[in-house]
Structure formats: C-alpha cells, structure tokens
PDB file of N, CA and C in Angstrom:
ATOM      1  N   MET A   1      74.902 144.835  80.431  1.00  0.00           N
ATOM      2  CA  MET A   1      74.050 143.710  80.801  1.00  0.00           C
ATOM      3  C   MET A   1      73.074 144.160  81.893  1.00  0.00           C
ATOM      4  N   ASP A   2      71.800 143.972  81.676  1.00  0.00           N
ATOM      5  CA  ASP A   2      70.753 144.389  82.611  1.00  0.00           C
ATOM      6  C   ASP A   2      70.558 143.323  83.683  1.00  0.00           C
ATOM      7  N   LEU A   3      71.265 143.514  84.804  1.00  0.00           N
ATOM      8  CA  LEU A   3      71.242 142.510  85.872  1.00  0.00           C
ATOM      9  C   LEU A   3      69.851 142.356  86.483  1.00  0.00           C
ATOM     10  N   MET A   4      69.148 143.466  86.704  1.00  0.00           N
ATOM     11  CA  MET A   4      67.802 143.387  87.303  1.00  0.00           C
ATOM     12  C   MET A   4      66.851 142.621  86.369  1.00  0.00           C
ATOM     13  N   GLY A   5      66.956 142.905  85.092  1.00  0.00           N
ATOM     14  CA  GLY A   5      66.119 142.214  84.108  1.00  0.00           C
ATOM     15  C   GLY A   5      66.415 140.724  84.090  1.00  0.00           C
ATOM     16  N   MET A   6      67.697 140.403  84.193  1.00  0.00           N
ATOM     17  CA  MET A   6      68.081 138.990  84.195  1.00  0.00           C
ATOM     18  C   MET A   6      67.596 138.290  85.465  1.00  0.00           C
ATOM     19  N   MET A   7      67.685 138.984  86.599  1.00  0.00           N
ATOM     20  CA  MET A   7      67.224 138.394  87.861  1.00  0.00           C
ATOM     21  C   MET A   7      65.716 138.150  87.805  1.00  0.00           C
ATOM     22  N   GLY A   8      64.999 139.090  87.229  1.00  0.00           N
ATOM     23  CA  GLY A   8      63.549 138.945  87.072  1.00  0.00           C
ATOM     24  C   GLY A   8      63.223 137.761  86.176  1.00  0.00           C
ATOM     25  N   LYS A   9      63.985 137.644  85.103  1.00  0.00           N
ATOM     26  CA  LYS A   9      63.791 136.540  84.155  1.00  0.00           C
ATOM     27  C   LYS A   9      64.085 135.200  84.835  1.00  0.00           C
ATOM     28  N   LEU A  10      65.127 135.193  85.660  1.00  0.00           N
ATOM     29  CA  LEU A  10      65.509 133.974  86.371  1.00  0.00           C
ATOM     30  C   LEU A  10      64.400 133.546  87.329  1.00  0.00           C
ATOM     31  N   LYS A  11      63.855 134.516  88.066  1.00  0.00           N
ATOM     32  CA  LYS A  11      62.749 134.232  88.994  1.00  0.00           C
ATOM     33  C   LYS A  11      61.533 133.691  88.245  1.00  0.00           C
ATOM     34  N   GLU A  12      61.250 134.323  87.111  1.00  0.00           N
ATOM     35  CA  GLU A  12      60.123 133.907  86.277  1.00  0.00           C
ATOM     36  C   GLU A  12      60.330 132.466  85.778  1.00  0.00           C
ATOM     37  N   THR A  13      61.560 132.157  85.365  1.00  0.00           N
ATOM     38  CA  THR A  13      61.880 130.816  84.889  1.00  0.00           C
ATOM     39  C   THR A  13      61.759 129.803  86.021  1.00  0.00           C
ATOM     40  N   GLN A  14      62.250 130.166  87.218  1.00  0.00           N
ATOM     41  CA  GLN A  14      62.128 129.266  88.366  1.00  0.00           C
ATOM     42  C   GLN A  14      60.656 128.970  88.652  1.00  0.00           C
ATOM     43  N   GLN A  15      59.817 130.000  88.544  1.00  0.00           N
ATOM     44  CA  GLN A  15      58.382 129.813  88.775  1.00  0.00           C
ATOM     45  C   GLN A  15      57.794 128.873  87.721  1.00  0.00           C
ATOM     46  N   LYS A  16      58.206 129.069  86.470  1.00  0.00           N
ATOM     47  CA  LYS A  16      57.710 128.191  85.396  1.00  0.00           C
ATOM     48  C   LYS A  16      58.156 126.752  85.616  1.00  0.00           C
ATOM     49  N   ILE A  17      59.381 126.584  86.111  1.00  0.00           N
ATOM     50  CA  ILE A  17      59.884 125.232  86.391  1.00  0.00           C
ATOM     51  C   ILE A  17      59.049 124.609  87.515  1.00  0.00           C
ATOM     52  N   GLU A  18      58.764 125.384  88.572  1.00  0.00           N
ATOM     53  CA  GLU A  18      57.917 124.871  89.662  1.00  0.00           C
ATOM     54  C   GLU A  18      56.531 124.488  89.142  1.00  0.00           C
ATOM     55  N   ASP A  19      55.957 125.354  88.299  1.00  0.00           N
ATOM     56  CA  ASP A  19      54.632 125.078  87.724  1.00  0.00           C
ATOM     57  C   ASP A  19      54.680 123.806  86.879  1.00  0.00           C
ATOM     58  N   THR A  20      55.763 123.652  86.109  1.00  0.00           N
ATOM     59  CA  THR A  20      55.910 122.462  85.266  1.00  0.00           C
ATOM     60  C   THR A  20      56.017 121.216  86.132  1.00  0.00           C
ATOM     61  N   LYS A  21      56.778 121.298  87.230  1.00  0.00           N
ATOM     62  CA  LYS A  21      56.907 120.144  88.133  1.00  0.00           C
ATOM     63  C   LYS A  21      55.549 119.764  88.710  1.00  0.00           C
ATOM     64  N   LYS A  22      54.753 120.768  89.079  1.00  0.00           N
ATOM     65  CA  LYS A  22      53.406 120.490  89.601  1.00  0.00           C
ATOM     66  C   LYS A  22      52.560 119.804  88.527  1.00  0.00           C
ATOM     67  N   ARG A  23      52.654 120.317  87.303  1.00  0.00           N
ATOM     68  CA  ARG A  23      51.873 119.742  86.213  1.00  0.00           C
ATOM     69  C   ARG A  23      52.311 118.304  85.939  1.00  0.00           C
ATOM     70  N   LEU A  24      53.592 118.034  86.072  1.00  0.00           N
ATOM     71  CA  LEU A  24      54.102 116.688  85.814  1.00  0.00           C
ATOM     72  C   LEU A  24      53.578 115.674  86.835  1.00  0.00           C
ATOM     73  N   ASP A  25      53.093 116.163  87.986  1.00  0.00           N
ATOM     74  CA  ASP A  25      52.444 115.271  88.955  1.00  0.00           C
ATOM     75  C   ASP A  25      51.131 114.722  88.394  1.00  0.00           C
ATOM     76  N   THR A  26      50.577 115.409  87.406  1.00  0.00           N
ATOM     77  CA  THR A  26      49.293 114.973  86.843  1.00  0.00           C
ATOM     78  C   THR A  26      49.476 114.190  85.536  1.00  0.00           C
ATOM     79  N   VAL A  27      50.727 114.124  85.056  1.00  0.00           N
ATOM     80  CA  VAL A  27      51.009 113.366  83.833  1.00  0.00           C
ATOM     81  C   VAL A  27      51.317 111.931  84.249  1.00  0.00           C
ATOM     82  N   LEU A  28      50.502 110.981  83.770  1.00  0.00           N
ATOM     83  CA  LEU A  28      50.666 109.593  84.187  1.00  0.00           C
ATOM     84  C   LEU A  28      51.351 108.756  83.117  1.00  0.00           C
ATOM     85  N   ILE A  29      52.280 107.928  83.556  1.00  0.00           N
ATOM     86  CA  ILE A  29      53.024 107.023  82.681  1.00  0.00           C
ATOM     87  C   ILE A  29      52.593 105.603  83.042  1.00  0.00           C
ATOM     88  N   ASP A  30      51.998 104.908  82.092  1.00  0.00           N
ATOM     89  CA  ASP A  30      51.588 103.514  82.312  1.00  0.00           C
ATOM     90  C   ASP A  30      52.606 102.587  81.679  1.00  0.00           C
ATOM     91  N   GLU A  31      52.931 101.536  82.409  1.00  0.00           N
ATOM     92  CA  GLU A  31      53.856 100.531  81.876  1.00  0.00           C
ATOM     93  C   GLU A  31      53.353  99.173  82.336  1.00  0.00           C
ATOM     94  N   GLN A  32      53.614  98.158  81.516  1.00  0.00           N
ATOM     95  CA  GLN A  32      53.218  96.814  81.940  1.00  0.00           C
ATOM     96  C   GLN A  32      54.243  95.793  81.484  1.00  0.00           C
ATOM     97  N   SER A  33      54.223  94.629  82.140  1.00  0.00           N
ATOM     98  CA  SER A  33      55.098  93.538  81.731  1.00  0.00           C
ATOM     99  C   SER A  33      54.653  93.085  80.334  1.00  0.00           C
ATOM    100  N   ALA A  34      55.535  92.381  79.646  1.00  0.00           N
ATOM    101  CA  ALA A  34      55.252  91.952  78.272  1.00  0.00           C
ATOM    102  C   ALA A  34      53.946  91.159  78.178  1.00  0.00           C
ATOM    103  N   ASP A  35      53.650  90.375  79.203  1.00  0.00           N
ATOM    104  CA  ASP A  35      52.431  89.559  79.174  1.00  0.00           C
ATOM    105  C   ASP A  35      51.232  90.233  79.843  1.00  0.00           C
ATOM    106  N   GLY A  36      51.435  91.458  80.312  1.00  0.00           N
ATOM    107  CA  GLY A  36      50.326  92.215  80.897  1.00  0.00           C
ATOM    108  C   GLY A  36      49.912  91.786  82.304  1.00  0.00           C
ATOM    109  N   LEU A  37      50.689  90.919  82.936  1.00  0.00           N
ATOM    110  CA  LEU A  37      50.320  90.427  84.273  1.00  0.00           C
ATOM    111  C   LEU A  37      50.630  91.438  85.376  1.00  0.00           C
ATOM    112  N   LEU A  38      51.539  92.354  85.093  1.00  0.00           N
ATOM    113  CA  LEU A  38      51.896  93.381  86.065  1.00  0.00           C
ATOM    114  C   LEU A  38      51.773  94.739  85.391  1.00  0.00           C
ATOM    115  N   LYS A  39      51.064  95.652  86.031  1.00  0.00           N
ATOM    116  CA  LYS A  39      50.899  97.003  85.484  1.00  0.00           C
ATOM    117  C   LYS A  39      51.279  98.006  86.561  1.00  0.00           C
ATOM    118  N   VAL A  40      51.996  99.041  86.152  1.00  0.00           N
ATOM    119  CA  VAL A  40      52.345 100.119  87.078  1.00  0.00           C
ATOM    120  C   VAL A  40      52.003 101.461  86.433  1.00  0.00           C
ATOM    121  N   THR A  41      51.652 102.411  87.279  1.00  0.00           N
ATOM    122  CA  THR A  41      51.424 103.775  86.821  1.00  0.00           C
ATOM    123  C   THR A  41      52.252 104.701  87.703  1.00  0.00           C
ATOM    124  N   LEU A  42      53.038 105.559  87.055  1.00  0.00           N
ATOM    125  CA  LEU A  42      53.862 106.548  87.744  1.00  0.00           C
ATOM    126  C   LEU A  42      53.475 107.924  87.243  1.00  0.00           C
ATOM    127  N   THR A  43      53.762 108.941  88.053  1.00  0.00           N
ATOM    128  CA  THR A  43      53.652 110.304  87.529  1.00  0.00           C
ATOM    129  C   THR A  43      54.945 110.601  86.780  1.00  0.00           C
ATOM    130  N   ALA A  44      54.944 111.663  85.986  1.00  0.00           N
ATOM    131  CA  ALA A  44      56.163 112.062  85.283  1.00  0.00           C
ATOM    132  C   ALA A  44      57.222 112.573  86.266  1.00  0.00           C
ATOM    133  N   ASN A  45      56.825 112.775  87.529  1.00  0.00           N
ATOM    134  CA  ASN A  45      57.795 113.108  88.580  1.00  0.00           C
ATOM    135  C   ASN A  45      58.286 111.858  89.299  1.00  0.00           C
ATOM    136  N   ARG A  46      58.000 110.699  88.708  1.00  0.00           N
ATOM    137  CA  ARG A  46      58.501 109.412  89.192  1.00  0.00           C
ATOM    138  C   ARG A  46      57.965 109.006  90.567  1.00  0.00           C
ATOM    139  N   LYS A  47      56.710 109.320  90.820  1.00  0.00           N
ATOM    140  CA  LYS A  47      56.029 108.836  92.029  1.00  0.00           C
ATOM    141  C   LYS A  47      55.096 107.708  91.597  1.00  0.00           C
ATOM    142  N   VAL A  48      55.159 106.575  92.304  1.00  0.00           N
ATOM    143  CA  VAL A  48      54.294 105.440  91.961  1.00  0.00           C
ATOM    144  C   VAL A  48      52.864 105.769  92.362  1.00  0.00           C
ATOM    145  N   LYS A  49      51.940 105.658  91.411  1.00  0.00           N
ATOM    146  CA  LYS A  49      50.517 105.932  91.674  1.00  0.00           C
ATOM    147  C   LYS A  49      49.747 104.637  91.895  1.00  0.00           C
ATOM    148  N   SER A  50      50.073 103.604  91.112  1.00  0.00           N
ATOM    149  CA  SER A  50      49.367 102.336  91.291  1.00  0.00           C
ATOM    150  C   SER A  50      50.194 101.177  90.757  1.00  0.00           C
ATOM    151  N   ILE A  51      49.949 100.016  91.352  1.00  0.00           N
ATOM    152  CA  ILE A  51      50.550  98.766  90.895  1.00  0.00           C
ATOM    153  C   ILE A  51      49.429  97.737  90.868  1.00  0.00           C
ATOM    154  N   SER A  52      49.296  97.049  89.757  1.00  0.00           N
ATOM    155  CA  SER A  52      48.275  96.011  89.617  1.00  0.00           C
ATOM    156  C   SER A  52      48.993  94.688  89.331  1.00  0.00           C
ATOM    157  N   ILE A  53      48.753  93.684  90.176  1.00  0.00           N
ATOM    158  CA  ILE A  53      49.446  92.405  90.068  1.00  0.00           C
ATOM    159  C   ILE A  53      48.422  91.302  89.830  1.00  0.00           C
ATOM    160  N   ASP A  54      48.596  90.580  88.736  1.00  0.00           N
ATOM    161  CA  ASP A  54      47.717  89.444  88.456  1.00  0.00           C
ATOM    162  C   ASP A  54      47.940  88.355  89.521  1.00  0.00           C
ATOM    163  N   ASP A  55      46.867  87.699  89.935  1.00  0.00           N
ATOM    164  CA  ASP A  55      46.950  86.676  90.985  1.00  0.00           C
ATOM    165  C   ASP A  55      47.977  85.588  90.671  1.00  0.00           C
ATOM    166  N   SER A  56      48.151  85.264  89.387  1.00  0.00           N
ATOM    167  CA  SER A  56      49.084  84.187  89.019  1.00  0.00           C
ATOM    168  C   SER A  56      50.518  84.502  89.439  1.00  0.00           C
ATOM    169  N   LEU A  57      50.847  85.794  89.543  1.00  0.00           N
ATOM    170  CA  LEU A  57      52.207  86.172  89.943  1.00  0.00           C
ATOM    171  C   LEU A  57      52.427  86.012  91.445  1.00  0.00           C
ATOM    172  N   LEU A  58      51.360  85.902  92.201  1.00  0.00           N
ATOM    173  CA  LEU A  58      51.486  85.813  93.659  1.00  0.00           C
ATOM    174  C   LEU A  58      52.021  84.456  94.101  1.00  0.00           C
ATOM    175  N   GLU A  59      52.015  83.490  93.191  1.00  0.00           N
ATOM    176  CA  GLU A  59      52.474  82.142  93.545  1.00  0.00           C
ATOM    177  C   GLU A  59      53.994  82.019  93.477  1.00  0.00           C
ATOM    178  N   ASP A  60      54.653  82.955  92.801  1.00  0.00           N
ATOM    179  CA  ASP A  60      56.104  82.853  92.621  1.00  0.00           C
ATOM    180  C   ASP A  60      56.748  84.186  93.004  1.00  0.00           C
ATOM    181  N   LYS A  61      57.226  84.242  94.249  1.00  0.00           N
ATOM    182  CA  LYS A  61      57.789  85.483  94.802  1.00  0.00           C
ATOM    183  C   LYS A  61      58.935  86.025  93.937  1.00  0.00           C
ATOM    184  N   GLU A  62      59.861  85.129  93.525  1.00  0.00           N
ATOM    185  CA  GLU A  62      61.005  85.588  92.729  1.00  0.00           C
ATOM    186  C   GLU A  62      60.571  86.155  91.383  1.00  0.00           C
ATOM    187  N   GLN A  63      59.631  85.495  90.741  1.00  0.00           N
ATOM    188  CA  GLN A  63      59.136  85.970  89.455  1.00  0.00           C
ATOM    189  C   GLN A  63      58.484  87.343  89.633  1.00  0.00           C
ATOM    190  N   LEU A  64      57.677  87.494  90.679  1.00  0.00           N
ATOM    191  CA  LEU A  64      57.015  88.773  90.953  1.00  0.00           C
ATOM    192  C   LEU A  64      58.045  89.872  91.180  1.00  0.00           C
ATOM    193  N   GLU A  65      59.078  89.573  91.955  1.00  0.00           N
ATOM    194  CA  GLU A  65      60.132  90.569  92.202  1.00  0.00           C
ATOM    195  C   GLU A  65      60.808  90.973  90.899  1.00  0.00           C
ATOM    196  N   ASP A  66      61.107  89.987  90.041  1.00  0.00           N
ATOM    197  CA  ASP A  66      61.728  90.287  88.743  1.00  0.00           C
ATOM    198  C   ASP A  66      60.818  91.173  87.904  1.00  0.00           C
ATOM    199  N   TYR A  67      59.547  90.813  87.871  1.00  0.00           N
ATOM    200  CA  TYR A  67      58.556  91.595  87.116  1.00  0.00           C
ATOM    201  C   TYR A  67      58.529  93.038  87.620  1.00  0.00           C
ATOM    202  N   LEU A  68      58.500  93.204  88.933  1.00  0.00           N
ATOM    203  CA  LEU A  68      58.441  94.555  89.513  1.00  0.00           C
ATOM    204  C   LEU A  68      59.672  95.367  89.134  1.00  0.00           C
ATOM    205  N   ILE A  69      60.841  94.759  89.250  1.00  0.00           N
ATOM    206  CA  ILE A  69      62.083  95.472  88.937  1.00  0.00           C
ATOM    207  C   ILE A  69      62.089  95.918  87.474  1.00  0.00           C
ATOM    208  N   VAL A  70      61.825  94.986  86.562  1.00  0.00           N
ATOM    209  CA  VAL A  70      61.876  95.293  85.124  1.00  0.00           C
ATOM    210  C   VAL A  70      60.825  96.342  84.756  1.00  0.00           C
ATOM    211  N   THR A  71      59.590  96.125  85.215  1.00  0.00           N
ATOM    212  CA  THR A  71      58.489  97.007  84.816  1.00  0.00           C
ATOM    213  C   THR A  71      58.634  98.390  85.444  1.00  0.00           C
ATOM    214  N   LEU A  72      59.002  98.456  86.712  1.00  0.00           N
ATOM    215  CA  LEU A  72      59.197  99.764  87.359  1.00  0.00           C
ATOM    216  C   LEU A  72      60.359 100.514  86.714  1.00  0.00           C
ATOM    217  N   ASN A  73      61.437  99.819  86.401  1.00  0.00           N
ATOM    218  CA  ASN A  73      62.570 100.498  85.766  1.00  0.00           C
ATOM    219  C   ASN A  73      62.188 101.061  84.401  1.00  0.00           C
ATOM    220  N   LYS A  74      61.404 100.310  83.622  1.00  0.00           N
ATOM    221  CA  LYS A  74      60.950 100.823  82.315  1.00  0.00           C
ATOM    222  C   LYS A  74      60.075 102.061  82.514  1.00  0.00           C
ATOM    223  N   ALA A  75      59.183 101.999  83.495  1.00  0.00           N
ATOM    224  CA  ALA A  75      58.287 103.134  83.756  1.00  0.00           C
ATOM    225  C   ALA A  75      59.087 104.351  84.230  1.00  0.00           C
ATOM    226  N   ILE A  76      60.076 104.122  85.083  1.00  0.00           N
ATOM    227  CA  ILE A  76      60.908 105.223  85.592  1.00  0.00           C
ATOM    228  C   ILE A  76      61.689 105.857  84.441  1.00  0.00           C
ATOM    229  N   GLU A  77      62.201 105.037  83.526  1.00  0.00           N
ATOM    230  CA  GLU A  77      62.921 105.564  82.359  1.00  0.00           C
ATOM    231  C   GLU A  77      62.017 106.467  81.523  1.00  0.00           C
ATOM    232  N   LYS A  78      60.805 105.988  81.251  1.00  0.00           N
ATOM    233  CA  LYS A  78      59.852 106.783  80.462  1.00  0.00           C
ATOM    234  C   LYS A  78      59.520 108.086  81.183  1.00  0.00           C
ATOM    235  N   ALA A  79      59.240 107.978  82.489  1.00  0.00           N
ATOM    236  CA  ALA A  79      58.881 109.163  83.277  1.00  0.00           C
ATOM    237  C   ALA A  79      60.032 110.163  83.291  1.00  0.00           C
ATOM    238  N   THR A  80      61.253 109.659  83.408  1.00  0.00           N
ATOM    239  CA  THR A  80      62.437 110.531  83.423  1.00  0.00           C
ATOM    240  C   THR A  80      62.578 111.258  82.095  1.00  0.00           C
ATOM    241  N   SER A  81      62.347 110.552  80.987  1.00  0.00           N
ATOM    242  CA  SER A  81      62.427 111.182  79.661  1.00  0.00           C
ATOM    243  C   SER A  81      61.420 112.318  79.539  1.00  0.00           C
ATOM    244  N   VAL A  82      60.179 112.054  79.952  1.00  0.00           N
ATOM    245  CA  VAL A  82      59.130 113.076  79.869  1.00  0.00           C
ATOM    246  C   VAL A  82      59.499 114.254  80.771  1.00  0.00           C
ATOM    247  N   ASN A  83      59.916 113.951  81.992  1.00  0.00           N
ATOM    248  CA  ASN A  83      60.265 114.970  82.975  1.00  0.00           C
ATOM    249  C   ASN A  83      61.388 115.866  82.446  1.00  0.00           C
ATOM    250  N   GLU A  84      62.467 115.249  81.967  1.00  0.00           N
ATOM    251  CA  GLU A  84      63.617 116.034  81.496  1.00  0.00           C
ATOM    252  C   GLU A  84      63.265 116.855  80.266  1.00  0.00           C
ATOM    253  N   ALA A  85      62.505 116.269  79.359  1.00  0.00           N
ATOM    254  CA  ALA A  85      62.121 116.992  78.140  1.00  0.00           C
ATOM    255  C   ALA A  85      61.298 118.231  78.491  1.00  0.00           C
ATOM    256  N   GLU A  86      60.343 118.064  79.416  1.00  0.00           N
ATOM    257  CA  GLU A  86      59.479 119.191  79.810  1.00  0.00           C
ATOM    258  C   GLU A  86      60.287 120.284  80.505  1.00  0.00           C
ATOM    259  N   LEU A  87      61.124 119.896  81.458  1.00  0.00           N
ATOM    260  CA  LEU A  87      61.895 120.892  82.211  1.00  0.00           C
ATOM    261  C   LEU A  87      62.944 121.559  81.323  1.00  0.00           C
ATOM    262  N   ASP A  88      63.567 120.786  80.422  1.00  0.00           N
ATOM    263  CA  ASP A  88      64.532 121.373  79.487  1.00  0.00           C
ATOM    264  C   ASP A  88      63.869 122.408  78.596  1.00  0.00           C
ATOM    265  N   ALA A  89      62.658 122.084  78.143  1.00  0.00           N
ATOM    266  CA  ALA A  89      61.933 122.999  77.260  1.00  0.00           C
ATOM    267  C   ALA A  89      61.679 124.325  77.968  1.00  0.00           C
ATOM    268  N   VAL A  90      61.260 124.266  79.238  1.00  0.00           N
ATOM    269  CA  VAL A  90      60.999 125.494  80.006  1.00  0.00           C
ATOM    270  C   VAL A  90      62.299 126.264  80.200  1.00  0.00           C
ATOM    271  N   ALA A  91      63.340 125.562  80.595  1.00  0.00           N
ATOM    272  CA  ALA A  91      64.620 126.223  80.873  1.00  0.00           C
ATOM    273  C   ALA A  91      65.189 126.882  79.618  1.00  0.00           C
ATOM    274  N   LYS A  92      65.161 126.167  78.501  1.00  0.00           N
ATOM    275  CA  LYS A  92      65.739 126.702  77.265  1.00  0.00           C
ATOM    276  C   LYS A  92      64.921 127.858  76.711  1.00  0.00           C
ATOM    277  N   MET A  93      63.609 127.757  76.871  1.00  0.00           N
ATOM    278  CA  MET A  93      62.722 128.765  76.313  1.00  0.00           C
ATOM    279  C   MET A  93      62.924 130.121  77.012  1.00  0.00           C
ATOM    280  N   ASP A  94      63.168 130.076  78.307  1.00  0.00           N
ATOM    281  CA  ASP A  94      63.146 131.306  79.088  1.00  0.00           C
ATOM    282  C   ASP A  94      64.496 131.814  79.570  1.00  0.00           C
ATOM    283  N   MET A  95      65.511 130.990  79.490  1.00  0.00           N
ATOM    284  CA  MET A  95      66.770 131.406  80.094  1.00  0.00           C
ATOM    285  C   MET A  95      67.546 132.378  79.227  1.00  0.00           C
ATOM    286  N   PRO A  96      67.957 133.480  79.840  1.00  0.00           N
ATOM    287  CA  PRO A  96      68.925 134.323  79.131  1.00  0.00           C
ATOM    288  C   PRO A  96      70.222 133.519  79.074  1.00  0.00           C
ATOM    289  N   MET A  97      70.951 133.637  78.006  1.00  0.00           N
ATOM    290  CA  MET A  97      72.165 132.834  77.881  1.00  0.00           C
ATOM    291  C   MET A  97      73.279 133.419  78.743  1.00  0.00           C
ATOM    292  N   ILE A  98      73.498 132.767  79.876  1.00  0.00           N
ATOM    293  CA  ILE A  98      74.558 133.178  80.788  1.00  0.00           C
ATOM    294  C   ILE A  98      75.567 132.043  80.794  1.00  0.00           C
ATOM    295  N   PRO A  99      76.816 132.310  80.519  1.00  0.00           N
ATOM    296  CA  PRO A  99      77.810 131.227  80.480  1.00  0.00           C
ATOM    297  C   PRO A  99      77.776 130.417  81.772  1.00  0.00           C
ATOM    298  N   GLY A 100      77.760 129.098  81.625  1.00  0.00           N
ATOM    299  CA  GLY A 100      77.785 128.218  82.792  1.00  0.00           C
ATOM    300  C   GLY A 100      76.419 127.917  83.370  1.00  0.00           C
ATOM    301  N   MET A 101      75.379 128.683  83.015  1.00  0.00           N
ATOM    302  CA  MET A 101      74.050 128.493  83.612  1.00  0.00           C
ATOM    303  C   MET A 101      73.413 127.182  83.159  1.00  0.00           C
ATOM    304  N   ASP A 102      73.765 126.726  81.954  1.00  0.00           N
ATOM    305  CA  ASP A 102      73.123 125.514  81.453  1.00  0.00           C
ATOM    306  C   ASP A 102      73.399 124.300  82.345  1.00  0.00           C
ATOM    307  N   ASN A 103      74.464 124.354  83.128  1.00  0.00           N
ATOM    308  CA  ASN A 103      74.776 123.244  84.033  1.00  0.00           C
ATOM    309  C   ASN A 103      73.806 123.146  85.206  1.00  0.00           C
ATOM    310  N   LEU A 104      73.100 124.219  85.505  1.00  0.00           N
ATOM    311  CA  LEU A 104      72.161 124.208  86.641  1.00  0.00           C
ATOM    312  C   LEU A 104      70.993 123.274  86.401  1.00  0.00           C
ATOM    313  N   PHE A 105      70.660 123.013  85.152  1.00  0.00           N
ATOM    314  CA  PHE A 105      69.455 122.259  84.849  1.00  0.00           C
ATOM    315  C   PHE A 105      69.757 120.799  84.506  1.00  0.00           C
ATOM    316  N   LYS A 106      70.962 120.377  84.761  1.00  0.00           N
ATOM    317  CA  LYS A 106      71.337 118.983  84.461  1.00  0.00           C
ATOM    318  C   LYS A 106      71.100 118.136  85.688  1.00  0.00           C
TER     319      LYS A 106
END
C-alpha cells in the first residue's frame, strides 16, 4: 500500500471538499410558503441570504412565526440535500477505499 500516494490523495480530496464548500456558498436555494407570502433564500451551505415577508403577515405575529419555521425548515432540508449530494460526490470520486474512512464524511 502506497502510504505517501494515499496521503497525497487525501490532501487533494480535502482541497476539493473545501473548494466544493466555497462553491456551495454561491448555490442559492429559494423556498416560499404555499401562498407565496413568505420567501426565503439560503445558500447550499445553509446560510440565510434573504427573507421577504408580505405586509399582510406583519399583522399576525403567530402566523408569521409559523410561516418562518415551516418555510425555513423546507429550505434547510433542500439545502442539506444539495450540500450532502455535492460533498458525497467529491468524497466518493476521489477517496481511495480505506476501511472505516467512509464514516469521516457522514
């Protein structure tokens, strides 16, 4: 087993993962409430970029809070799916098969 080659490959994969994470900052996930009154945009790294709230929601604090929770959770789920799929693809593509290593990317 070529340990130096594997270490080099590991470093290269770590760099690709970092590059992918940076790129995921530019991938935007848009989500909105069913009626379109609340819109949120997150990056695929799950950072909130924008929230747009229709004036009608400002009259009912509880309704607005419910809208935010539901819509943000849907957006976070989508962003997480994109994030995991992208990072898994990089990890699987480049990783030498070392027993137990697959747990590092979970």
